[in-house]
Amino acid sequence: GEVASFEAAPGPNQISRENGKRRVVVTANVRGRDVGSFVAEAQAALQQRVALPSGYWTQWGGSFEQLQSATARLRLVVPVALALVMALLVAMFGNLRDGLLVFTGVPFALTGGI
């Protein structure tokens, strides 16, 4: 199908600009699915169906921008936290073998595997 449907509605006449360049904002409310997969599908549809002239570009913001920021933060924080937990286990047990044994057993225990 279509990429989007448009509805004409009365509104203020204005030309929005950002950094001296004209700007058009298109908003969407996503219901019943996650924002990340919606944006991925929308980006693919735009690439296939819309040829942007030179000097034009698309930018995704709002919830998707927040999702990207949170994902980037978690990619840094989670490995650091896991390394810290591992270091504490090794310090507590006094050797790497026992620390690794407990560390590798925790994910299985959380899922009910042990």
PDB file of N, CA and C in Angstrom:
ATOM      1  N   GLY A   1       0.679  -1.141   0.000  1.00  0.00           N
ATOM      2  CA  GLY A   1       0.000   0.000   0.000  1.00  0.00           C
ATOM      3  C   GLY A   1       0.768   1.289   0.000  1.00  0.00           C
ATOM      4  N   GLU A   2       0.101   2.209   0.606  1.00  0.00           N
ATOM      5  CA  GLU A   2       0.580   3.572   0.617  1.00  0.00           C
ATOM      6  C   GLU A   2       1.519   3.811   1.796  1.00  0.00           C
ATOM      7  N   VAL A   3       2.312   4.833   1.679  1.00  0.00           N
ATOM      8  CA  VAL A   3       3.202   5.220   2.768  1.00  0.00           C
ATOM      9  C   VAL A   3       2.421   5.984   3.830  1.00  0.00           C
ATOM     10  N   ALA A   4       1.532   6.868   3.414  1.00  0.00           N
ATOM     11  CA  ALA A   4       0.753   7.667   4.344  1.00  0.00           C
ATOM     12  C   ALA A   4      -0.506   8.164   3.674  1.00  0.00           C
ATOM     13  N   SER A   5      -1.465   8.572   4.496  1.00  0.00           N
ATOM     14  CA  SER A   5      -2.643   9.246   3.971  1.00  0.00           C
ATOM     15  C   SER A   5      -2.648  10.652   4.545  1.00  0.00           C
ATOM     16  N   PHE A   6      -3.077  11.612   3.734  1.00  0.00           N
ATOM     17  CA  PHE A   6      -3.057  13.009   4.142  1.00  0.00           C
ATOM     18  C   PHE A   6      -4.470  13.523   4.302  1.00  0.00           C
ATOM     19  N   GLU A   7      -4.622  14.419   5.244  1.00  0.00           N
ATOM     20  CA  GLU A   7      -5.903  15.044   5.487  1.00  0.00           C
ATOM     21  C   GLU A   7      -5.688  16.547   5.560  1.00  0.00           C
ATOM     22  N   ALA A   8      -6.354  17.294   4.714  1.00  0.00           N
ATOM     23  CA  ALA A   8      -6.221  18.749   4.716  1.00  0.00           C
ATOM     24  C   ALA A   8      -7.063  19.320   5.852  1.00  0.00           C
ATOM     25  N   ALA A   9      -6.456  20.214   6.620  1.00  0.00           N
ATOM     26  CA  ALA A   9      -7.160  20.850   7.724  1.00  0.00           C
ATOM     27  C   ALA A   9      -6.732  22.305   7.799  1.00  0.00           C
ATOM     28  N   PRO A  10      -7.659  23.190   8.146  1.00  0.00           N
ATOM     29  CA  PRO A  10      -7.267  24.598   8.255  1.00  0.00           C
ATOM     30  C   PRO A  10      -6.264  24.806   9.376  1.00  0.00           C
ATOM     31  N   GLY A  11      -5.315  25.685   9.161  1.00  0.00           N
ATOM     32  CA  GLY A  11      -4.290  25.964  10.153  1.00  0.00           C
ATOM     33  C   GLY A  11      -3.581  27.249   9.829  1.00  0.00           C
ATOM     34  N   PRO A  12      -2.689  27.668  10.685  1.00  0.00           N
ATOM     35  CA  PRO A  12      -1.979  28.928  10.423  1.00  0.00           C
ATOM     36  C   PRO A  12      -1.045  28.800   9.224  1.00  0.00           C
ATOM     37  N   ASN A  13      -0.965  29.844   8.431  1.00  0.00           N
ATOM     38  CA  ASN A  13      -0.042  29.861   7.295  1.00  0.00           C
ATOM     39  C   ASN A  13       1.328  30.290   7.803  1.00  0.00           C
ATOM     40  N   GLN A  14       2.298  29.437   7.627  1.00  0.00           N
ATOM     41  CA  GLN A  14       3.654  29.765   8.056  1.00  0.00           C
ATOM     42  C   GLN A  14       4.652  28.912   7.313  1.00  0.00           C
ATOM     43  N   ILE A  15       5.852  29.401   7.253  1.00  0.00           N
ATOM     44  CA  ILE A  15       6.959  28.636   6.686  1.00  0.00           C
ATOM     45  C   ILE A  15       7.948  28.424   7.824  1.00  0.00           C
ATOM     46  N   SER A  16       8.053  27.180   8.268  1.00  0.00           N
ATOM     47  CA  SER A  16       8.972  26.870   9.369  1.00  0.00           C
ATOM     48  C   SER A  16      10.391  26.775   8.847  1.00  0.00           C
ATOM     49  N   ARG A  17      11.318  27.266   9.642  1.00  0.00           N
ATOM     50  CA  ARG A  17      12.735  27.204   9.279  1.00  0.00           C
ATOM     51  C   ARG A  17      13.538  26.727  10.471  1.00  0.00           C
ATOM     52  N   GLU A  18      14.636  26.037  10.154  1.00  0.00           N
ATOM     53  CA  GLU A  18      15.593  25.611  11.174  1.00  0.00           C
ATOM     54  C   GLU A  18      16.980  25.774  10.581  1.00  0.00           C
ATOM     55  N   ASN A  19      17.834  26.508  11.257  1.00  0.00           N
ATOM     56  CA  ASN A  19      19.176  26.811  10.754  1.00  0.00           C
ATOM     57  C   ASN A  19      19.132  27.427   9.357  1.00  0.00           C
ATOM     58  N   GLY A  20      18.144  28.276   9.114  1.00  0.00           N
ATOM     59  CA  GLY A  20      18.041  28.974   7.839  1.00  0.00           C
ATOM     60  C   GLY A  20      17.481  28.145   6.700  1.00  0.00           C
ATOM     61  N   LYS A  21      17.050  26.911   6.976  1.00  0.00           N
ATOM     62  CA  LYS A  21      16.516  26.053   5.922  1.00  0.00           C
ATOM     63  C   LYS A  21      15.054  25.756   6.213  1.00  0.00           C
ATOM     64  N   ARG A  22      14.279  25.655   5.158  1.00  0.00           N
ATOM     65  CA  ARG A  22      12.864  25.334   5.326  1.00  0.00           C
ATOM     66  C   ARG A  22      12.702  23.959   5.939  1.00  0.00           C
ATOM     67  N   ARG A  23      11.624  23.830   6.718  1.00  0.00           N
ATOM     68  CA  ARG A  23      11.417  22.587   7.452  1.00  0.00           C
ATOM     69  C   ARG A  23       9.938  22.215   7.413  1.00  0.00           C
ATOM     70  N   VAL A  24       9.657  20.961   7.153  1.00  0.00           N
ATOM     71  CA  VAL A  24       8.304  20.425   7.200  1.00  0.00           C
ATOM     72  C   VAL A  24       8.298  19.300   8.222  1.00  0.00           C
ATOM     73  N   VAL A  25       7.365  19.355   9.150  1.00  0.00           N
ATOM     74  CA  VAL A  25       7.273  18.334  10.194  1.00  0.00           C
ATOM     75  C   VAL A  25       6.069  17.452   9.906  1.00  0.00           C
ATOM     76  N   VAL A  26       6.289  16.153   9.885  1.00  0.00           N
ATOM     77  CA  VAL A  26       5.221  15.178   9.716  1.00  0.00           C
ATOM     78  C   VAL A  26       5.162  14.378  11.007  1.00  0.00           C
ATOM     79  N   THR A  27       3.984  14.296  11.611  1.00  0.00           N
ATOM     80  CA  THR A  27       3.850  13.569  12.870  1.00  0.00           C
ATOM     81  C   THR A  27       3.024  12.307  12.659  1.00  0.00           C
ATOM     82  N   ALA A  28       3.222  11.342  13.534  1.00  0.00           N
ATOM     83  CA  ALA A  28       2.468  10.090  13.476  1.00  0.00           C
ATOM     84  C   ALA A  28       2.319   9.543  14.888  1.00  0.00           C
ATOM     85  N   ASN A  29       1.193   8.929  15.139  1.00  0.00           N
ATOM     86  CA  ASN A  29       0.961   8.213  16.391  1.00  0.00           C
ATOM     87  C   ASN A  29       0.990   6.727  16.079  1.00  0.00           C
ATOM     88  N   VAL A  30       1.874   6.014  16.744  1.00  0.00           N
ATOM     89  CA  VAL A  30       2.033   4.587  16.495  1.00  0.00           C
ATOM     90  C   VAL A  30       1.313   3.831  17.602  1.00  0.00           C
ATOM     91  N   ARG A  31       0.369   3.007  17.205  1.00  0.00           N
ATOM     92  CA  ARG A  31      -0.369   2.210  18.190  1.00  0.00           C
ATOM     93  C   ARG A  31      -0.301   0.748  17.798  1.00  0.00           C
ATOM     94  N   GLY A  32      -0.158  -0.103  18.782  1.00  0.00           N
ATOM     95  CA  GLY A  32      -0.196  -1.539  18.537  1.00  0.00           C
ATOM     96  C   GLY A  32       1.123  -2.154  18.101  1.00  0.00           C
ATOM     97  N   ARG A  33       2.206  -1.386  18.121  1.00  0.00           N
ATOM     98  CA  ARG A  33       3.523  -1.930  17.770  1.00  0.00           C
ATOM     99  C   ARG A  33       4.612  -1.023  18.317  1.00  0.00           C
ATOM    100  N   ASP A  34       5.843  -1.494  18.289  1.00  0.00           N
ATOM    101  CA  ASP A  34       6.942  -0.694  18.827  1.00  0.00           C
ATOM    102  C   ASP A  34       7.409   0.339  17.812  1.00  0.00           C
ATOM    103  N   VAL A  35       7.942   1.424  18.350  1.00  0.00           N
ATOM    104  CA  VAL A  35       8.362   2.559  17.531  1.00  0.00           C
ATOM    105  C   VAL A  35       9.538   2.187  16.630  1.00  0.00           C
ATOM    106  N   GLY A  36      10.475   1.397  17.146  1.00  0.00           N
ATOM    107  CA  GLY A  36      11.666   1.024  16.375  1.00  0.00           C
ATOM    108  C   GLY A  36      11.327   0.295  15.083  1.00  0.00           C
ATOM    109  N   SER A  37      10.438  -0.694  15.164  1.00  0.00           N
ATOM    110  CA  SER A  37      10.083  -1.437  13.946  1.00  0.00           C
ATOM    111  C   SER A  37       9.258  -0.581  12.993  1.00  0.00           C
ATOM    112  N   PHE A  38       8.418   0.313  13.535  1.00  0.00           N
ATOM    113  CA  PHE A  38       7.651   1.215  12.684  1.00  0.00           C
ATOM    114  C   PHE A  38       8.579   2.123  11.881  1.00  0.00           C
ATOM    115  N   VAL A  39       9.574   2.705  12.565  1.00  0.00           N
ATOM    116  CA  VAL A  39      10.499   3.617  11.883  1.00  0.00           C
ATOM    117  C   VAL A  39      11.324   2.857  10.851  1.00  0.00           C
ATOM    118  N   ALA A  40      11.770   1.649  11.183  1.00  0.00           N
ATOM    119  CA  ALA A  40      12.536   0.853  10.215  1.00  0.00           C
ATOM    120  C   ALA A  40      11.711   0.578   8.961  1.00  0.00           C
ATOM    121  N   GLU A  41      10.449   0.222   9.151  1.00  0.00           N
ATOM    122  CA  GLU A  41       9.572  -0.042   8.007  1.00  0.00           C
ATOM    123  C   GLU A  41       9.300   1.238   7.215  1.00  0.00           C
ATOM    124  N   ALA A  42       9.067   2.343   7.912  1.00  0.00           N
ATOM    125  CA  ALA A  42       8.805   3.621   7.247  1.00  0.00           C
ATOM    126  C   ALA A  42      10.030   4.104   6.473  1.00  0.00           C
ATOM    127  N   GLN A  43      11.220   3.937   7.057  1.00  0.00           N
ATOM    128  CA  GLN A  43      12.449   4.332   6.363  1.00  0.00           C
ATOM    129  C   GLN A  43      12.633   3.518   5.089  1.00  0.00           C
ATOM    130  N   ALA A  44      12.387   2.219   5.177  1.00  0.00           N
ATOM    131  CA  ALA A  44      12.521   1.361   3.992  1.00  0.00           C
ATOM    132  C   ALA A  44      11.514   1.763   2.918  1.00  0.00           C
ATOM    133  N   ALA A  45      10.270   2.057   3.328  1.00  0.00           N
ATOM    134  CA  ALA A  45       9.242   2.462   2.364  1.00  0.00           C
ATOM    135  C   ALA A  45       9.604   3.793   1.716  1.00  0.00           C
ATOM    136  N   LEU A  46      10.118   4.735   2.498  1.00  0.00           N
ATOM    137  CA  LEU A  46      10.510   6.028   1.931  1.00  0.00           C
ATOM    138  C   LEU A  46      11.663   5.880   0.956  1.00  0.00           C
ATOM    139  N   GLN A  47      12.636   5.043   1.286  1.00  0.00           N
ATOM    140  CA  GLN A  47      13.772   4.836   0.377  1.00  0.00           C
ATOM    141  C   GLN A  47      13.327   4.245  -0.950  1.00  0.00           C
ATOM    142  N   GLN A  48      12.383   3.305  -0.887  1.00  0.00           N
ATOM    143  CA  GLN A  48      11.915   2.645  -2.110  1.00  0.00           C
ATOM    144  C   GLN A  48      11.024   3.544  -2.954  1.00  0.00           C
ATOM    145  N   ARG A  49      10.172   4.356  -2.309  1.00  0.00           N
ATOM    146  CA  ARG A  49       9.118   5.045  -3.034  1.00  0.00           C
ATOM    147  C   ARG A  49       9.326   6.542  -3.235  1.00  0.00           C
ATOM    148  N   VAL A  50      10.240   7.142  -2.484  1.00  0.00           N
ATOM    149  CA  VAL A  50      10.400   8.596  -2.565  1.00  0.00           C
ATOM    150  C   VAL A  50      11.842   8.926  -2.931  1.00  0.00           C
ATOM    151  N   ALA A  51      12.012   9.662  -4.011  1.00  0.00           N
ATOM    152  CA  ALA A  51      13.347  10.122  -4.418  1.00  0.00           C
ATOM    153  C   ALA A  51      13.485  11.578  -3.975  1.00  0.00           C
ATOM    154  N   LEU A  52      14.305  11.802  -2.956  1.00  0.00           N
ATOM    155  CA  LEU A  52      14.496  13.160  -2.454  1.00  0.00           C
ATOM    156  C   LEU A  52      15.473  13.917  -3.340  1.00  0.00           C
ATOM    157  N   PRO A  53      15.122  15.144  -3.706  1.00  0.00           N
ATOM    158  CA  PRO A  53      16.055  15.955  -4.509  1.00  0.00           C
ATOM    159  C   PRO A  53      17.304  16.304  -3.703  1.00  0.00           C
ATOM    160  N   SER A  54      18.317  16.757  -4.382  1.00  0.00           N
ATOM    161  CA  SER A  54      19.554  17.163  -3.735  1.00  0.00           C
ATOM    162  C   SER A  54      19.264  18.280  -2.732  1.00  0.00           C
ATOM    163  N   GLY A  55      19.850  18.168  -1.548  1.00  0.00           N
ATOM    164  CA  GLY A  55      19.651  19.176  -0.517  1.00  0.00           C
ATOM    165  C   GLY A  55      18.496  18.878   0.423  1.00  0.00           C
ATOM    166  N   TYR A  56      17.746  17.811   0.174  1.00  0.00           N
ATOM    167  CA  TYR A  56      16.640  17.411   1.041  1.00  0.00           C
ATOM    168  C   TYR A  56      17.045  16.184   1.838  1.00  0.00           C
ATOM    169  N   TRP A  57      16.485  16.026   3.025  1.00  0.00           N
ATOM    170  CA  TRP A  57      16.785  14.866   3.853  1.00  0.00           C
ATOM    171  C   TRP A  57      15.632  14.617   4.805  1.00  0.00           C
ATOM    172  N   THR A  58      15.630  13.439   5.398  1.00  0.00           N
ATOM    173  CA  THR A  58      14.642  13.106   6.423  1.00  0.00           C
ATOM    174  C   THR A  58      15.365  12.955   7.747  1.00  0.00           C
ATOM    175  N   GLN A  59      14.645  13.250   8.804  1.00  0.00           N
ATOM    176  CA  GLN A  59      15.197  13.120  10.149  1.00  0.00           C
ATOM    177  C   GLN A  59      14.084  12.588  11.040  1.00  0.00           C
ATOM    178  N   TRP A  60      14.396  11.594  11.851  1.00  0.00           N
ATOM    179  CA  TRP A  60      13.410  10.963  12.719  1.00  0.00           C
ATOM    180  C   TRP A  60      13.644  11.430  14.145  1.00  0.00           C
ATOM    181  N   GLY A  61      12.599  11.865  14.822  1.00  0.00           N
ATOM    182  CA  GLY A  61      12.749  12.397  16.174  1.00  0.00           C
ATOM    183  C   GLY A  61      11.701  11.829  17.107  1.00  0.00           C
ATOM    184  N   GLY A  62      11.440  12.546  18.172  1.00  0.00           N
ATOM    185  CA  GLY A  62      10.416  12.148  19.141  1.00  0.00           C
ATOM    186  C   GLY A  62      10.804  10.901  19.903  1.00  0.00           C
ATOM    187  N   SER A  63       9.856   9.978  20.012  1.00  0.00           N
ATOM    188  CA  SER A  63      10.076   8.740  20.766  1.00  0.00           C
ATOM    189  C   SER A  63      11.204   7.912  20.172  1.00  0.00           C
ATOM    190  N   PHE A  64      11.338   7.938  18.849  1.00  0.00           N
ATOM    191  CA  PHE A  64      12.405   7.167  18.209  1.00  0.00           C
ATOM    192  C   PHE A  64      13.771   7.719  18.584  1.00  0.00           C
ATOM    193  N   GLU A  65      13.896   9.034  18.624  1.00  0.00           N
ATOM    194  CA  GLU A  65      15.160   9.656  19.015  1.00  0.00           C
ATOM    195  C   GLU A  65      15.513   9.297  20.461  1.00  0.00           C
ATOM    196  N   GLN A  66      14.513   9.266  21.321  1.00  0.00           N
ATOM    197  CA  GLN A  66      14.731   8.867  22.714  1.00  0.00           C
ATOM    198  C   GLN A  66      15.115   7.394  22.802  1.00  0.00           C
ATOM    199  N   LEU A  67      14.497   6.561  21.978  1.00  0.00           N
ATOM    200  CA  LEU A  67      14.837   5.142  21.945  1.00  0.00           C
ATOM    201  C   LEU A  67      16.289   4.930  21.542  1.00  0.00           C
ATOM    202  N   GLN A  68      16.743   5.657  20.529  1.00  0.00           N
ATOM    203  CA  GLN A  68      18.133   5.542  20.090  1.00  0.00           C
ATOM    204  C   GLN A  68      19.091   5.988  21.188  1.00  0.00           C
ATOM    205  N   SER A  69      18.759   7.066  21.874  1.00  0.00           N
ATOM    206  CA  SER A  69      19.610   7.572  22.947  1.00  0.00           C
ATOM    207  C   SER A  69      19.700   6.565  24.090  1.00  0.00           C
ATOM    208  N   ALA A  70      18.563   6.001  24.479  1.00  0.00           N
ATOM    209  CA  ALA A  70      18.547   5.015  25.560  1.00  0.00           C
ATOM    210  C   ALA A  70      19.321   3.757  25.171  1.00  0.00           C
ATOM    211  N   THR A  71      19.183   3.318  23.934  1.00  0.00           N
ATOM    212  CA  THR A  71      19.901   2.134  23.457  1.00  0.00           C
ATOM    213  C   THR A  71      21.405   2.357  23.492  1.00  0.00           C
ATOM    214  N   ALA A  72      21.838   3.535  23.068  1.00  0.00           N
ATOM    215  CA  ALA A  72      23.274   3.851  23.084  1.00  0.00           C
ATOM    216  C   ALA A  72      23.811   3.863  24.513  1.00  0.00           C
ATOM    217  N   ARG A  73      23.028   4.433  25.439  1.00  0.00           N
ATOM    218  CA  ARG A  73      23.448   4.454  26.841  1.00  0.00           C
ATOM    219  C   ARG A  73      23.547   3.048  27.412  1.00  0.00           C
ATOM    220  N   LEU A  74      22.551   2.209  27.101  1.00  0.00           N
ATOM    221  CA  LEU A  74      22.552   0.843  27.618  1.00  0.00           C
ATOM    222  C   LEU A  74      23.696   0.015  27.050  1.00  0.00           C
ATOM    223  N   ARG A  75      24.091   0.283  25.819  1.00  0.00           N
ATOM    224  CA  ARG A  75      25.231  -0.436  25.232  1.00  0.00           C
ATOM    225  C   ARG A  75      26.523  -0.156  25.983  1.00  0.00           C
ATOM    226  N   LEU A  76      26.575   0.956  26.666  1.00  0.00           N
ATOM    227  CA  LEU A  76      27.741   1.289  27.474  1.00  0.00           C
ATOM    228  C   LEU A  76      27.576   0.800  28.915  1.00  0.00           C
ATOM    229  N   VAL A  77      26.419   1.037  29.499  1.00  0.00           N
ATOM    230  CA  VAL A  77      26.201   0.771  30.919  1.00  0.00           C
ATOM    231  C   VAL A  77      26.122  -0.724  31.233  1.00  0.00           C
ATOM    232  N   VAL A  78      25.438  -1.513  30.413  1.00  0.00           N
ATOM    233  CA  VAL A  78      25.250  -2.937  30.711  1.00  0.00           C
ATOM    234  C   VAL A  78      26.575  -3.697  30.763  1.00  0.00           C
ATOM    235  N   PRO A  79      27.475  -3.578  29.787  1.00  0.00           N
ATOM    236  CA  PRO A  79      28.749  -4.286  29.913  1.00  0.00           C
ATOM    237  C   PRO A  79      29.572  -3.841  31.128  1.00  0.00           C
ATOM    238  N   VAL A  80      29.534  -2.545  31.445  1.00  0.00           N
ATOM    239  CA  VAL A  80      30.265  -2.057  32.617  1.00  0.00           C
ATOM    240  C   VAL A  80      29.677  -2.669  33.882  1.00  0.00           C
ATOM    241  N   ALA A  81      28.350  -2.729  33.987  1.00  0.00           N
ATOM    242  CA  ALA A  81      27.699  -3.309  35.161  1.00  0.00           C
ATOM    243  C   ALA A  81      28.019  -4.796  35.283  1.00  0.00           C
ATOM    244  N   LEU A  82      27.994  -5.517  34.167  1.00  0.00           N
ATOM    245  CA  LEU A  82      28.317  -6.949  34.209  1.00  0.00           C
ATOM    246  C   LEU A  82      29.775  -7.176  34.603  1.00  0.00           C
ATOM    247  N   ALA A  83      30.668  -6.344  34.107  1.00  0.00           N
ATOM    248  CA  ALA A  83      32.083  -6.466  34.490  1.00  0.00           C
ATOM    249  C   ALA A  83      32.255  -6.175  35.976  1.00  0.00           C
ATOM    250  N   LEU A  84      31.531  -5.209  36.488  1.00  0.00           N
ATOM    251  CA  LEU A  84      31.608  -4.884  37.914  1.00  0.00           C
ATOM    252  C   LEU A  84      31.087  -6.034  38.768  1.00  0.00           C
ATOM    253  N   VAL A  85      29.984  -6.642  38.367  1.00  0.00           N
ATOM    254  CA  VAL A  85      29.448  -7.796  39.092  1.00  0.00           C
ATOM    255  C   VAL A  85      30.457  -8.937  39.073  1.00  0.00           C
ATOM    256  N   MET A  86      31.060  -9.182  37.918  1.00  0.00           N
ATOM    257  CA  MET A  86      32.057 -10.249  37.815  1.00  0.00           C
ATOM    258  C   MET A  86      33.245  -9.968  38.721  1.00  0.00           C
ATOM    259  N   ALA A  87      33.710  -8.726  38.741  1.00  0.00           N
ATOM    260  CA  ALA A  87      34.832  -8.360  39.599  1.00  0.00           C
ATOM    261  C   ALA A  87      34.486  -8.556  41.068  1.00  0.00           C
ATOM    262  N   LEU A  88      33.270  -8.207  41.452  1.00  0.00           N
ATOM    263  CA  LEU A  88      32.853  -8.412  42.845  1.00  0.00           C
ATOM    264  C   LEU A  88      32.774  -9.891  43.196  1.00  0.00           C
ATOM    265  N   LEU A  89      32.292 -10.715  42.283  1.00  0.00           N
ATOM    266  CA  LEU A  89      32.226 -12.156  42.536  1.00  0.00           C
ATOM    267  C   LEU A  89      33.624 -12.753  42.692  1.00  0.00           C
ATOM    268  N   VAL A  90      34.540 -12.345  41.823  1.00  0.00           N
ATOM    269  CA  VAL A  90      35.917 -12.849  41.914  1.00  0.00           C
ATOM    270  C   VAL A  90      36.540 -12.395  43.231  1.00  0.00           C
ATOM    271  N   ALA A  91      36.291 -11.159  43.619  1.00  0.00           N
ATOM    272  CA  ALA A  91      36.838 -10.662  44.889  1.00  0.00           C
ATOM    273  C   ALA A  91      36.228 -11.404  46.067  1.00  0.00           C
ATOM    274  N   MET A  92      34.949 -11.700  46.005  1.00  0.00           N
ATOM    275  CA  MET A  92      34.277 -12.376  47.113  1.00  0.00           C
ATOM    276  C   MET A  92      34.741 -13.824  47.261  1.00  0.00           C
ATOM    277  N   PHE A  93      34.850 -14.553  46.155  1.00  0.00           N
ATOM    278  CA  PHE A  93      35.254 -15.957  46.220  1.00  0.00           C
ATOM    279  C   PHE A  93      36.760 -16.140  46.244  1.00  0.00           C
ATOM    280  N   GLY A  94      37.499 -15.150  45.836  1.00  0.00           N
ATOM    281  CA  GLY A  94      38.951 -15.232  45.902  1.00  0.00           C
ATOM    282  C   GLY A  94      39.603 -15.909  44.711  1.00  0.00           C
ATOM    283  N   ASN A  95      38.800 -16.407  43.766  1.00  0.00           N
ATOM    284  CA  ASN A  95      39.393 -16.973  42.558  1.00  0.00           C
ATOM    285  C   ASN A  95      38.427 -16.820  41.377  1.00  0.00           C
ATOM    286  N   LEU A  96      38.984 -16.868  40.191  1.00  0.00           N
ATOM    287  CA  LEU A  96      38.220 -16.632  38.968  1.00  0.00           C
ATOM    288  C   LEU A  96      37.249 -17.770  38.677  1.00  0.00           C
ATOM    289  N   ARG A  97      37.666 -18.988  38.972  1.00  0.00           N
ATOM    290  CA  ARG A  97      36.843 -20.159  38.648  1.00  0.00           C
ATOM    291  C   ARG A  97      35.495 -20.115  39.358  1.00  0.00           C
ATOM    292  N   ASP A  98      35.494 -19.885  40.647  1.00  0.00           N
ATOM    293  CA  ASP A  98      34.233 -19.842  41.398  1.00  0.00           C
ATOM    294  C   ASP A  98      33.391 -18.629  40.990  1.00  0.00           C
ATOM    295  N   GLY A  99      34.048 -17.517  40.731  1.00  0.00           N
ATOM    296  CA  GLY A  99      33.323 -16.335  40.275  1.00  0.00           C
ATOM    297  C   GLY A  99      32.620 -16.576  38.949  1.00  0.00           C
ATOM    298  N   LEU A 100      33.331 -17.206  38.005  1.00  0.00           N
ATOM    299  CA  LEU A 100      32.731 -17.531  36.705  1.00  0.00           C
ATOM    300  C   LEU A 100      31.596 -18.540  36.841  1.00  0.00           C
ATOM    301  N   LEU A 101      31.757 -19.495  37.742  1.00  0.00           N
ATOM    302  CA  LEU A 101      30.717 -20.506  37.956  1.00  0.00           C
ATOM    303  C   LEU A 101      29.412 -19.852  38.406  1.00  0.00           C
ATOM    304  N   VAL A 102      29.492 -18.961  39.365  1.00  0.00           N
ATOM    305  CA  VAL A 102      28.290 -18.272  39.840  1.00  0.00           C
ATOM    306  C   VAL A 102      27.766 -17.320  38.765  1.00  0.00           C
ATOM    307  N   PHE A 103      28.655 -16.575  38.128  1.00  0.00           N
ATOM    308  CA  PHE A 103      28.262 -15.584  37.126  1.00  0.00           C
ATOM    309  C   PHE A 103      27.519 -16.229  35.956  1.00  0.00           C
ATOM    310  N   THR A 104      27.989 -17.384  35.499  1.00  0.00           N
ATOM    311  CA  THR A 104      27.332 -18.048  34.371  1.00  0.00           C
ATOM    312  C   THR A 104      26.056 -18.760  34.786  1.00  0.00           C
ATOM    313  N   GLY A 105      25.897 -19.059  36.052  1.00  0.00           N
ATOM    314  CA  GLY A 105      24.680 -19.730  36.525  1.00  0.00           C
ATOM    315  C   GLY A 105      23.519 -18.783  36.745  1.00  0.00           C
ATOM    316  N   VAL A 106      23.785 -17.519  36.969  1.00  0.00           N
ATOM    317  CA  VAL A 106      22.720 -16.553  37.278  1.00  0.00           C
ATOM    318  C   VAL A 106      21.696 -16.429  36.152  1.00  0.00           C
ATOM    319  N   PRO A 107      22.091 -16.261  34.876  1.00  0.00           N
ATOM    320  CA  PRO A 107      21.061 -16.156  33.820  1.00  0.00           C
ATOM    321  C   PRO A 107      20.160 -17.385  33.738  1.00  0.00           C
ATOM    322  N   PHE A 108      20.732 -18.567  33.943  1.00  0.00           N
ATOM    323  CA  PHE A 108      19.922 -19.779  33.904  1.00  0.00           C
ATOM    324  C   PHE A 108      18.964 -19.833  35.090  1.00  0.00           C
ATOM    325  N   ALA A 109      19.415 -19.386  36.247  1.00  0.00           N
ATOM    326  CA  ALA A 109      18.555 -19.369  37.425  1.00  0.00           C
ATOM    327  C   ALA A 109      17.392 -18.399  37.229  1.00  0.00           C
ATOM    328  N   LEU A 110      17.652 -17.280  36.597  1.00  0.00           N
ATOM    329  CA  LEU A 110      16.585 -16.300  36.376  1.00  0.00           C
ATOM    330  C   LEU A 110      15.523 -16.811  35.420  1.00  0.00           C
ATOM    331  N   THR A 111      15.907 -17.657  34.475  1.00  0.00           N
ATOM    332  CA  THR A 111      14.939 -18.196  33.522  1.00  0.00           C
ATOM    333  C   THR A 111      14.310 -19.498  34.001  1.00  0.00           C
ATOM    334  N   GLY A 112      14.744 -19.986  35.161  1.00  0.00           N
ATOM    335  CA  GLY A 112      14.186 -21.219  35.695  1.00  0.00           C
ATOM    336  C   GLY A 112      14.902 -22.458  35.203  1.00  0.00           C
ATOM    337  N   GLY A 113      16.076 -22.294  34.602  1.00  0.00           N
ATOM    338  CA  GLY A 113      16.818 -23.423  34.050  1.00  0.00           C
ATOM    339  C   GLY A 113      17.582 -24.215  35.091  1.00  0.00           C
ATOM    340  N   ILE A 114      17.829 -23.632  36.257  1.00  0.00           N
ATOM    341  CA  ILE A 114      18.572 -24.353  37.306  1.00  0.00           C
ATOM    342  C   ILE A 114      17.712 -24.449  38.538  1.00  0.00           C
TER     343      ILE A 114
END
